[in-house]
């Protein structure tokens, strides 16, 4: 796990790392030898979170004190980039879930996106404690890194064909199958809305499908919005709104990361991953406000705004996923600014048509420190999507409840009786925090995997 600044093999040159919270510092200090207490007093060390201090060596072994956050996932996350380059081992490693989360946080904090520029320094490396399952840790870090890398890659290098290539690479690693419908083949296979949204781009729209697992196991469908760049279409975005639109395929990145976790753990499921991959561009054949599109389900949709394109590509994919009556459908999408207004950029919005499932998901999120918040599928707001000439509008003209009406639109394409979860995520850190560097981010990924592991983990 060298890419995540974690190593399983001791070399004997590791510095000792003593980690203590602010509240525990007085008790820790009282238990130290007099030279250590004198050293810290002379250094006028203040025991504040994210401060560290070198201590006198122990039998020639360097020793460093770090004041850490009480939350396990954040406790070590700042250290890889703040400690000097080198190797460290925990003086008193935690075990159980807290220990796992602490080391996971170290790995998350060590992430660098170096495709276009090498980092100025290497992160500090931690010797993995024996109490941590290295295979499970490596799988989670690889999945998060995949999500981050895909989102951070600019659209020039992550258009639908590159997203398809990334899917095929993942499938090859785990022996999965991939099928892709491209361009006019989408029309022949009855995916008209995916085609309509993506047809104006020089990069042909496509529906990418990854399949993995053994027949007879429960079927799980993952659907991810793959809008590789969103200009807004003819309802063009302003420059400020377009700046981060390379991340509009964040939903696709999430389902590929979740698929990696499922396949790494060899969960006993039949996995179907659907990624409608498009660029919402502008040209003479771009779809227009006022157009009426037919969908795979047969519903007609009047286009109110071409910038509400994500739900259009998702609706055909959700309808396809429903046709095989899976035990569960989960979709991820960078769908609405309204969800960010309601919950901010760090907290994913979760919509669910099954109260028991939503409760399980919230419990799973709490268990793995991957927060999310349930939002209501308030049916009374469905009237905002009424059209006078089609079955429904793609976007409400009202400025209110935008995340809810978007989720209600998607719900129309999920067959009755199928448990369904919809995540409306930012997929981006607007600034750097411990374990969460500025840029692409996996949100509700580990919570979703924990749900799948709890529901389907026993063969």
Protein backbone atom coordinates (compact mmCIF):
# COMPACT_ATOMS: atom_id res chain seq x y z
CA UNK A 1 0.00 0.00 0.00
CA UNK A 2 2.89 2.33 -0.69
CA UNK A 3 0.63 4.58 -2.81
CA UNK A 4 -1.33 5.33 0.34
CA UNK A 5 1.76 5.91 2.53
CA UNK A 6 1.13 2.70 4.46
CA UNK A 7 3.53 -0.24 4.69
CA UNK A 8 3.16 -3.71 6.14
CA UNK A 9 6.87 -4.54 6.37
CA UNK A 10 8.96 -3.05 9.20
CA UNK A 11 12.43 -1.85 8.28
CA UNK A 12 13.63 -0.87 11.74
CA UNK A 13 14.02 2.81 10.92
CA UNK A 14 10.51 3.87 11.97
CA UNK A 15 10.13 6.78 14.37
CA UNK A 16 7.77 6.25 17.31
CA UNK A 17 4.53 8.22 16.99
CA UNK A 18 2.68 9.02 20.22
CA UNK A 19 -0.85 10.27 19.52
CA UNK A 20 -2.92 11.95 22.22
CA UNK A 21 -6.09 14.06 22.27
CA UNK A 22 -6.24 17.47 23.94
CA UNK A 23 -8.36 16.11 26.79
CA UNK A 24 -6.01 13.17 27.40
CA UNK A 25 -2.84 15.25 27.22
CA UNK A 26 -2.53 16.09 30.97
CA UNK A 27 -2.79 12.42 31.95
CA UNK A 28 -0.36 11.41 29.20
CA UNK A 29 2.11 14.10 30.27
CA UNK A 30 1.98 13.02 33.91
CA UNK A 31 2.93 9.48 32.88
CA UNK A 32 6.03 10.61 30.97
CA UNK A 33 9.59 10.55 32.30
CA UNK A 34 10.96 13.79 33.70
CA UNK A 35 13.20 14.49 30.66
CA UNK A 36 10.14 14.41 28.39
CA UNK A 37 8.15 16.74 30.65
CA UNK A 38 11.09 19.13 30.86
CA UNK A 39 11.58 18.98 27.08
CA UNK A 40 7.94 19.94 26.40
CA UNK A 41 8.03 22.71 29.00
CA UNK A 42 11.22 24.11 27.49
CA UNK A 43 9.64 23.94 24.02
CA UNK A 44 6.53 25.70 25.40
CA UNK A 45 4.48 23.11 23.57
CA UNK A 46 0.74 23.85 23.38
CA UNK A 47 -1.38 20.66 23.17
CA UNK A 48 -3.70 21.77 20.39
CA UNK A 49 -5.13 19.57 17.64
CA UNK A 50 -2.83 19.25 14.60
CA UNK A 51 0.30 20.26 16.50
CA UNK A 52 3.27 17.94 16.88
CA UNK A 53 6.63 18.03 18.63
CA UNK A 54 9.75 15.88 18.46
CA UNK A 55 10.62 14.26 21.79
CA UNK A 56 13.87 12.85 23.18
CA UNK A 57 14.78 9.60 21.44
CA UNK A 58 14.06 6.29 23.15
CA UNK A 59 17.17 4.08 23.03
CA UNK A 60 18.20 5.82 19.86
CA UNK A 61 14.75 5.64 18.25
CA UNK A 62 13.27 9.04 17.27
CA UNK A 63 9.95 9.86 18.93
CA UNK A 64 7.31 12.41 18.04
CA UNK A 65 4.16 13.57 19.85
CA UNK A 66 1.05 14.47 17.83
CA UNK A 67 -2.14 15.98 19.24
CA UNK A 68 -5.02 14.43 17.36
CA UNK A 69 -8.77 14.78 16.91
CA UNK A 70 -11.04 12.55 18.98
CA UNK A 71 -12.90 11.37 15.86
CA UNK A 72 -10.99 8.27 14.70
CA UNK A 73 -11.23 8.94 10.96
CA UNK A 74 -9.79 12.45 11.37
CA UNK A 75 -7.25 11.62 14.08
CA UNK A 76 -4.30 10.65 11.87
CA UNK A 77 -5.50 12.12 8.58
CA UNK A 78 -3.42 15.30 8.80
CA UNK A 79 -0.14 13.60 9.64
CA UNK A 80 1.04 12.22 6.24
CA UNK A 81 1.34 15.72 4.78
CA UNK A 82 2.51 17.48 7.96
CA UNK A 83 5.10 15.14 9.43
CA UNK A 84 8.53 15.17 7.79
CA UNK A 85 9.04 12.55 5.10
CA UNK A 86 10.04 9.24 6.59
CA UNK A 87 8.64 6.17 8.31
CA UNK A 88 6.62 6.04 11.53
CA UNK A 89 4.93 3.47 13.73
CA UNK A 90 2.25 4.06 16.31
CA UNK A 91 3.45 3.83 19.88
CA UNK A 92 0.05 2.60 21.06
CA UNK A 93 -2.11 1.52 18.10
CA UNK A 94 -5.87 1.32 18.65
CA UNK A 95 -7.67 -1.84 17.70
CA UNK A 96 -11.22 -2.55 16.59
CA UNK A 97 -13.20 -0.21 14.33
CA UNK A 98 -11.55 2.90 15.82
CA UNK A 99 -8.11 1.59 14.93
CA UNK A 100 -9.19 0.72 11.40
CA UNK A 101 -10.75 4.17 10.86
CA UNK A 102 -7.66 5.92 12.21
CA UNK A 103 -5.34 4.14 9.78
CA UNK A 104 -7.86 4.60 6.96
CA UNK A 105 -7.75 8.32 7.72
CA UNK A 106 -3.96 8.26 7.34
CA UNK A 107 -4.33 6.66 3.92
CA UNK A 108 -7.00 9.12 2.84
CA UNK A 109 -4.83 12.01 3.99
CA UNK A 110 -1.87 10.72 1.97
CA UNK A 111 -3.77 10.93 -1.35
CA UNK A 112 -2.18 12.98 -4.15
CA UNK A 113 -3.43 13.58 -7.69
CA UNK A 114 -0.21 13.50 -9.70
CA UNK A 115 -1.31 12.83 -13.27
CA UNK A 116 -0.23 16.28 -14.47
CA UNK A 117 2.22 17.45 -11.79
CA UNK A 118 4.35 15.55 -9.31
CA UNK A 119 3.87 16.42 -5.65
CA UNK A 120 6.58 18.55 -4.07
CA UNK A 121 7.10 15.98 -1.32
CA UNK A 122 6.18 12.42 -0.46
CA UNK A 123 3.80 11.84 2.41
CA UNK A 124 5.07 10.33 5.63
CA UNK A 125 4.67 6.54 5.71
CA UNK A 126 2.98 4.63 8.54
CA UNK A 127 3.81 1.05 9.45
CA UNK A 128 0.49 -0.74 9.45
CA UNK A 129 -0.43 -2.09 12.90
CA UNK A 130 -1.04 -5.84 13.17
CA UNK A 131 -4.54 -5.07 14.47
CA UNK A 132 -5.70 -3.73 11.09
CA UNK A 133 -6.92 -5.94 8.22
CA UNK A 134 -4.55 -4.86 5.46
CA UNK A 135 -6.62 -6.36 2.61
CA UNK A 136 -9.81 -4.60 3.68
CA UNK A 137 -7.94 -1.34 4.18
CA UNK A 138 -6.27 -1.56 0.78
CA UNK A 139 -9.62 -2.21 -0.91
CA UNK A 140 -11.27 0.84 0.67
CA UNK A 141 -8.36 3.13 -0.12
CA UNK A 142 -8.19 1.88 -3.72
CA UNK A 143 -11.91 2.52 -4.19
CA UNK A 144 -11.75 6.06 -2.81
CA UNK A 145 -8.65 6.82 -4.86
CA UNK A 146 -10.38 5.56 -8.01
CA UNK A 147 -13.32 7.88 -7.37
CA UNK A 148 -11.06 10.85 -6.67
CA UNK A 149 -8.80 10.22 -9.67
CA UNK A 150 -11.70 9.92 -12.11
CA UNK A 151 -13.34 13.13 -10.86
CA UNK A 152 -10.10 15.11 -10.74
CA UNK A 153 -9.26 14.25 -14.35
CA UNK A 154 -10.30 17.15 -16.65
CA UNK A 155 -12.91 16.55 -19.30
CA UNK A 156 -10.38 16.63 -22.14
CA UNK A 157 -9.06 13.35 -20.75
CA UNK A 158 -12.31 12.01 -19.29
CA UNK A 159 -14.94 12.13 -22.00
CA UNK A 160 -17.36 9.21 -22.54
CA UNK A 161 -14.77 7.09 -24.36
CA UNK A 162 -12.26 7.48 -21.51
CA UNK A 163 -14.94 6.70 -18.95
CA UNK A 164 -15.70 3.55 -20.91
CA UNK A 165 -11.98 2.69 -20.94
CA UNK A 166 -11.80 3.15 -17.16
CA UNK A 167 -14.76 0.81 -16.75
CA UNK A 168 -13.17 -1.81 -18.99
CA UNK A 169 -9.90 -1.57 -17.03
CA UNK A 170 -11.77 -2.18 -13.77
CA UNK A 171 -13.70 -5.07 -15.29
CA UNK A 172 -10.52 -6.71 -16.57
CA UNK A 173 -8.99 -6.60 -13.09
CA UNK A 174 -11.90 -8.53 -11.57
CA UNK A 175 -13.06 -10.69 -14.46
CA UNK A 176 -16.26 -8.75 -15.09
CA UNK A 177 -18.02 -8.27 -18.44
CA UNK A 178 -18.60 -4.92 -20.12
CA UNK A 179 -21.06 -4.06 -22.88
CA UNK A 180 -21.36 -0.59 -24.36
CA UNK A 181 -24.05 0.93 -26.56
CA UNK A 182 -22.65 3.91 -28.46
CA UNK A 183 -24.15 6.65 -30.61
CA UNK A 184 -27.18 5.65 -32.71
CA UNK A 185 -27.08 2.16 -31.19
CA UNK A 186 -28.71 3.82 -28.18
CA UNK A 187 -31.76 4.62 -30.29
CA UNK A 188 -31.93 1.10 -31.66
CA UNK A 189 -31.80 -0.27 -28.10
CA UNK A 190 -34.44 2.21 -26.86
CA UNK A 191 -32.37 4.63 -24.80
CA UNK A 192 -33.59 7.85 -26.41
CA UNK A 193 -32.95 10.31 -23.60
CA UNK A 194 -29.29 9.32 -23.19
CA UNK A 195 -28.87 9.81 -26.93
CA UNK A 196 -30.68 13.17 -26.93
CA UNK A 197 -28.55 14.66 -24.17
CA UNK A 198 -25.24 13.49 -25.62
CA UNK A 199 -25.75 13.74 -29.36
CA UNK A 200 -24.40 17.31 -29.69
CA UNK A 201 -20.93 16.31 -28.54
CA UNK A 202 -18.07 15.16 -30.77
CA UNK A 203 -17.69 12.37 -28.20
CA UNK A 204 -20.57 9.99 -28.86
CA UNK A 205 -22.97 9.28 -25.97
CA UNK A 206 -23.00 5.76 -24.63
CA UNK A 207 -24.50 3.45 -22.03
CA UNK A 208 -21.76 1.45 -20.32
CA UNK A 209 -22.81 -1.72 -18.54
CA UNK A 210 -20.56 -3.79 -16.27
CA UNK A 211 -21.78 -7.21 -15.09
CA UNK A 212 -20.18 -9.40 -12.43
CA UNK A 213 -21.23 -12.22 -10.14
CA UNK A 214 -22.86 -15.62 -10.10
CA UNK A 215 -26.43 -16.32 -11.31
CA UNK A 216 -28.72 -17.17 -8.45
CA UNK A 217 -27.29 -14.56 -6.11
CA UNK A 218 -29.35 -11.42 -5.34
CA UNK A 219 -29.17 -8.82 -8.10
CA UNK A 220 -27.86 -5.36 -7.17
CA UNK A 221 -27.97 -2.51 -9.69
CA UNK A 222 -25.73 0.56 -9.41
CA UNK A 223 -26.51 3.53 -11.65
CA UNK A 224 -24.17 6.53 -11.93
CA UNK A 225 -24.60 9.82 -13.71
CA UNK A 226 -21.76 10.10 -16.21
CA UNK A 227 -22.04 13.64 -17.59
CA UNK A 228 -18.37 14.09 -18.39
CA UNK A 229 -18.79 17.82 -18.90
CA UNK A 230 -21.90 19.93 -18.55
CA UNK A 231 -22.03 23.21 -20.43
CA UNK A 232 -25.70 23.46 -19.54
CA UNK A 233 -26.60 22.87 -23.17
CA UNK A 234 -28.61 25.63 -24.85
CA UNK A 235 -29.51 26.87 -21.36
CA UNK A 236 -25.81 27.54 -21.07
CA UNK A 237 -24.23 27.94 -17.67
CA UNK A 238 -22.31 31.09 -16.73
CA UNK A 239 -18.54 30.76 -16.52
CA UNK A 240 -18.62 30.39 -12.73
CA UNK A 241 -21.14 27.55 -12.98
CA UNK A 242 -19.10 25.73 -15.63
CA UNK A 243 -15.72 25.85 -13.89
CA UNK A 244 -16.11 22.59 -11.93
CA UNK A 245 -18.25 20.71 -14.41
CA UNK A 246 -15.54 18.14 -15.02
CA UNK A 247 -16.93 16.66 -11.78
CA UNK A 248 -20.41 16.13 -13.24
CA UNK A 249 -19.48 12.49 -13.90
CA UNK A 250 -18.97 12.07 -10.16
CA UNK A 251 -21.93 9.70 -9.91
CA UNK A 252 -20.31 7.37 -12.43
CA UNK A 253 -17.04 7.52 -10.50
CA UNK A 254 -18.91 6.56 -7.32
CA UNK A 255 -20.59 3.48 -8.77
CA UNK A 256 -17.28 2.30 -10.24
CA UNK A 257 -15.66 2.75 -6.83
CA UNK A 258 -18.51 0.90 -5.15
CA UNK A 259 -18.27 -1.88 -7.75
CA UNK A 260 -14.56 -2.18 -6.96
CA UNK A 261 -15.39 -2.68 -3.28
CA UNK A 262 -18.08 -5.27 -4.04
CA UNK A 263 -15.83 -7.24 -6.36
CA UNK A 264 -12.80 -6.98 -4.05
CA UNK A 265 -14.85 -8.43 -1.21
CA UNK A 266 -16.43 -11.01 -3.55
CA UNK A 267 -19.88 -10.27 -2.15
CA UNK A 268 -22.36 -12.95 -3.22
CA UNK A 269 -24.39 -10.72 -5.53
CA UNK A 270 -25.10 -10.35 -9.22
CA UNK A 271 -23.78 -6.87 -9.89
CA UNK A 272 -25.06 -4.66 -12.69
CA UNK A 273 -23.38 -1.26 -13.07
CA UNK A 274 -24.95 1.19 -15.52
CA UNK A 275 -23.19 4.40 -16.52
CA UNK A 276 -24.94 6.67 -19.04
CA UNK A 277 -21.91 8.62 -20.28
CA UNK A 278 -22.43 11.86 -22.22
CA UNK A 279 -21.12 15.35 -22.70
CA UNK A 280 -23.88 17.98 -22.55
CA UNK A 281 -22.54 20.13 -25.35
CA UNK A 282 -23.90 22.70 -27.79
CA UNK A 283 -24.16 22.26 -31.55
CA UNK A 284 -26.78 22.38 -34.28
CA UNK A 285 -28.38 19.12 -33.15
CA UNK A 286 -28.47 19.87 -29.41
CA UNK A 287 -31.78 19.21 -27.69
CA UNK A 288 -33.77 22.35 -26.92
CA UNK A 289 -36.07 23.83 -24.27
CA UNK A 290 -39.61 22.89 -25.25
CA UNK A 291 -38.61 19.65 -26.93
CA UNK A 292 -40.51 16.55 -25.89
CA UNK A 293 -38.44 13.40 -25.47
CA UNK A 294 -39.63 9.83 -25.26
CA UNK A 295 -38.00 7.69 -22.60
CA UNK A 296 -37.26 4.00 -22.35
CA UNK A 297 -40.19 3.60 -19.97
CA UNK A 298 -42.53 5.20 -22.51
CA UNK A 299 -43.15 8.38 -20.53
CA UNK A 300 -42.86 11.62 -22.48
CA UNK A 301 -40.76 14.42 -20.96
CA UNK A 302 -41.06 18.09 -21.87
CA UNK A 303 -37.73 19.88 -21.61
CA UNK A 304 -38.02 22.93 -19.41
CA UNK A 305 -34.26 23.39 -19.04
CA UNK A 306 -31.43 21.66 -20.88
CA UNK A 307 -29.25 22.12 -17.79
CA UNK A 308 -31.40 19.54 -15.98
CA UNK A 309 -29.82 16.82 -18.10
CA UNK A 310 -28.55 14.44 -15.45
CA UNK A 311 -32.01 13.14 -14.60
CA UNK A 312 -32.62 12.55 -18.30
CA UNK A 313 -29.65 10.24 -18.76
CA UNK A 314 -30.42 8.52 -15.46
CA UNK A 315 -34.08 7.87 -16.25
CA UNK A 316 -33.34 5.46 -19.12
CA UNK A 317 -30.69 3.67 -17.04
CA UNK A 318 -33.03 3.34 -14.04
CA UNK A 319 -35.75 1.96 -16.26
CA UNK A 320 -33.32 -0.61 -17.68
CA UNK A 321 -32.13 -1.57 -14.19
CA UNK A 322 -35.74 -2.06 -13.06
CA UNK A 323 -36.53 -4.50 -15.85
CA UNK A 324 -34.60 -7.34 -14.17
CA UNK A 325 -36.26 -6.73 -10.79
CA UNK A 326 -33.10 -6.34 -8.70
CA UNK A 327 -33.14 -6.69 -4.92
CA UNK A 328 -31.80 -3.14 -4.70
CA UNK A 329 -31.03 -0.15 -6.93
CA UNK A 330 -28.57 2.52 -5.80
CA UNK A 331 -27.88 5.58 -7.91
CA UNK A 332 -25.31 8.33 -7.41
CA UNK A 333 -25.48 11.70 -9.12
CA UNK A 334 -24.12 15.22 -8.87
CA UNK A 335 -27.68 16.26 -9.54
CA UNK A 336 -28.76 19.53 -7.94
CA UNK A 337 -27.41 22.70 -6.41
CA UNK A 338 -30.51 22.63 -4.22
CA UNK A 339 -29.11 19.69 -2.25
CA UNK A 340 -25.99 21.74 -1.56
CA UNK A 341 -28.09 24.69 -0.41
CA UNK A 342 -29.95 22.41 1.99
CA UNK A 343 -27.02 20.40 3.36
CA UNK A 344 -23.82 22.14 2.31
CA UNK A 345 -21.08 20.64 0.22
CA UNK A 346 -19.83 17.96 2.65
CA UNK A 347 -23.06 16.12 3.45
CA UNK A 348 -24.67 13.92 0.77
CA UNK A 349 -28.44 13.96 0.38
CA UNK A 350 -30.04 10.51 0.46
CA UNK A 351 -33.52 9.75 -0.85
CA UNK A 352 -35.06 6.32 -0.36
CA UNK A 353 -38.42 4.70 -1.10
CA UNK A 354 -38.10 2.15 1.73
CA UNK A 355 -38.02 3.28 5.37
CA UNK A 356 -36.37 0.10 6.66
CA UNK A 357 -33.65 0.34 4.01
CA UNK A 358 -33.06 4.00 4.82
CA UNK A 359 -32.68 3.13 8.49
CA UNK A 360 -30.14 0.41 7.67
CA UNK A 361 -28.20 2.82 5.51
CA UNK A 362 -28.09 5.51 8.20
CA UNK A 363 -26.86 2.93 10.71
CA UNK A 364 -24.19 1.74 8.27
CA UNK A 365 -23.07 5.33 7.64
CA UNK A 366 -22.72 5.94 11.36
CA UNK A 367 -20.75 2.72 11.85
CA UNK A 368 -18.10 3.62 9.27
CA UNK A 369 -18.02 7.40 9.87
CA UNK A 370 -19.30 8.21 6.38
CA UNK A 371 -22.09 10.72 7.05
CA UNK A 372 -25.21 11.31 4.99
CA UNK A 373 -28.65 12.80 5.55
CA UNK A 374 -32.04 11.49 4.50
CA UNK A 375 -34.25 13.89 2.53
CA UNK A 376 -37.98 13.38 1.90
CA UNK A 377 -39.59 12.03 -1.25
CA UNK A 378 -42.46 14.41 -0.60
CA UNK A 379 -45.04 13.28 -3.14
CA UNK A 380 -47.08 16.47 -2.94
CA UNK A 381 -44.27 18.28 -4.71
CA UNK A 382 -44.66 16.01 -7.72
CA UNK A 383 -47.20 18.43 -9.14
CA UNK A 384 -44.35 20.85 -9.82
CA UNK A 385 -43.32 18.50 -12.63
CA UNK A 386 -46.72 18.54 -14.37
CA UNK A 387 -46.64 19.41 -18.07
CA UNK A 388 -49.58 20.50 -20.21
CA UNK A 389 -48.26 18.65 -23.27
CA UNK A 390 -46.27 15.66 -21.92
CA UNK A 391 -46.31 13.21 -19.04
CA UNK A 392 -43.90 15.35 -17.02
CA UNK A 393 -41.37 18.17 -17.12
CA UNK A 394 -37.69 17.53 -16.66
CA UNK A 395 -37.42 20.44 -14.21
CA UNK A 396 -39.82 22.50 -12.15
CA UNK A 397 -40.06 26.21 -12.82
CA UNK A 398 -40.34 26.85 -9.07
CA UNK A 399 -37.11 27.85 -7.29
CA UNK A 400 -38.08 25.68 -4.32
CA UNK A 401 -37.47 22.01 -3.41
CA UNK A 402 -35.19 21.39 -6.36
CA UNK A 403 -33.46 18.33 -4.90
CA UNK A 404 -36.80 16.77 -3.97
CA UNK A 405 -38.43 17.33 -7.35
CA UNK A 406 -35.34 15.90 -9.07
CA UNK A 407 -35.59 12.78 -6.89
CA UNK A 408 -39.33 12.53 -7.57
CA UNK A 409 -38.58 12.68 -11.30
CA UNK A 410 -36.16 9.75 -10.97
CA UNK A 411 -38.62 7.79 -8.83
CA UNK A 412 -41.05 7.73 -11.75
CA UNK A 413 -38.60 5.47 -13.60
CA UNK A 414 -38.02 2.95 -10.81
CA UNK A 415 -40.48 0.06 -11.05
CA UNK A 416 -42.89 -0.29 -8.16
CA UNK A 417 -41.78 -2.55 -5.34
CA UNK A 418 -38.03 -2.28 -5.96
CA UNK A 419 -36.03 -0.82 -3.04
CA UNK A 420 -34.19 2.24 -4.32
CA UNK A 421 -31.67 4.70 -2.92
CA UNK A 422 -30.72 7.94 -4.64
CA UNK A 423 -27.67 9.95 -3.59
CA UNK A 424 -27.37 13.59 -4.62
CA UNK A 425 -23.69 14.33 -3.93
CA UNK A 426 -21.27 17.22 -4.36
CA UNK A 427 -18.39 14.79 -5.10
CA UNK A 428 -15.94 17.61 -4.47
CA UNK A 429 -14.07 19.13 -1.55
CA UNK A 430 -14.09 22.90 -1.94
CA UNK A 431 -11.07 23.23 0.38
CA UNK A 432 -8.54 20.90 1.96
CA UNK A 433 -9.26 19.30 5.33
CA UNK A 434 -7.57 16.37 7.07
CA UNK A 435 -8.19 13.29 4.94
CA UNK A 436 -10.22 15.33 2.43
CA UNK A 437 -7.91 17.18 0.03
CA UNK A 438 -9.39 19.82 -2.23
CA UNK A 439 -10.82 18.16 -5.35
CA UNK A 440 -12.81 15.07 -6.18
CA UNK A 441 -14.25 13.17 -3.24
CA UNK A 442 -16.07 9.92 -2.52
CA UNK A 443 -19.23 10.59 -0.50
CA UNK A 444 -21.50 7.90 0.97
CA UNK A 445 -19.33 5.32 -0.80
CA UNK A 446 -18.18 3.45 2.30
CA UNK A 447 -21.63 3.74 3.87
CA UNK A 448 -23.19 2.13 0.80
CA UNK A 449 -20.65 -0.68 0.81
CA UNK A 450 -21.26 -1.32 4.50
CA UNK A 451 -24.99 -1.57 3.75
CA UNK A 452 -24.32 -4.07 0.95
CA UNK A 453 -21.98 -6.07 3.15
CA UNK A 454 -24.58 -6.26 5.91
CA UNK A 455 -27.41 -7.18 3.55
CA UNK A 456 -25.64 -9.55 1.20
CA UNK A 457 -22.33 -10.46 2.85
CA UNK A 458 -23.32 -13.99 3.99
CA UNK A 459 -23.15 -16.54 1.17
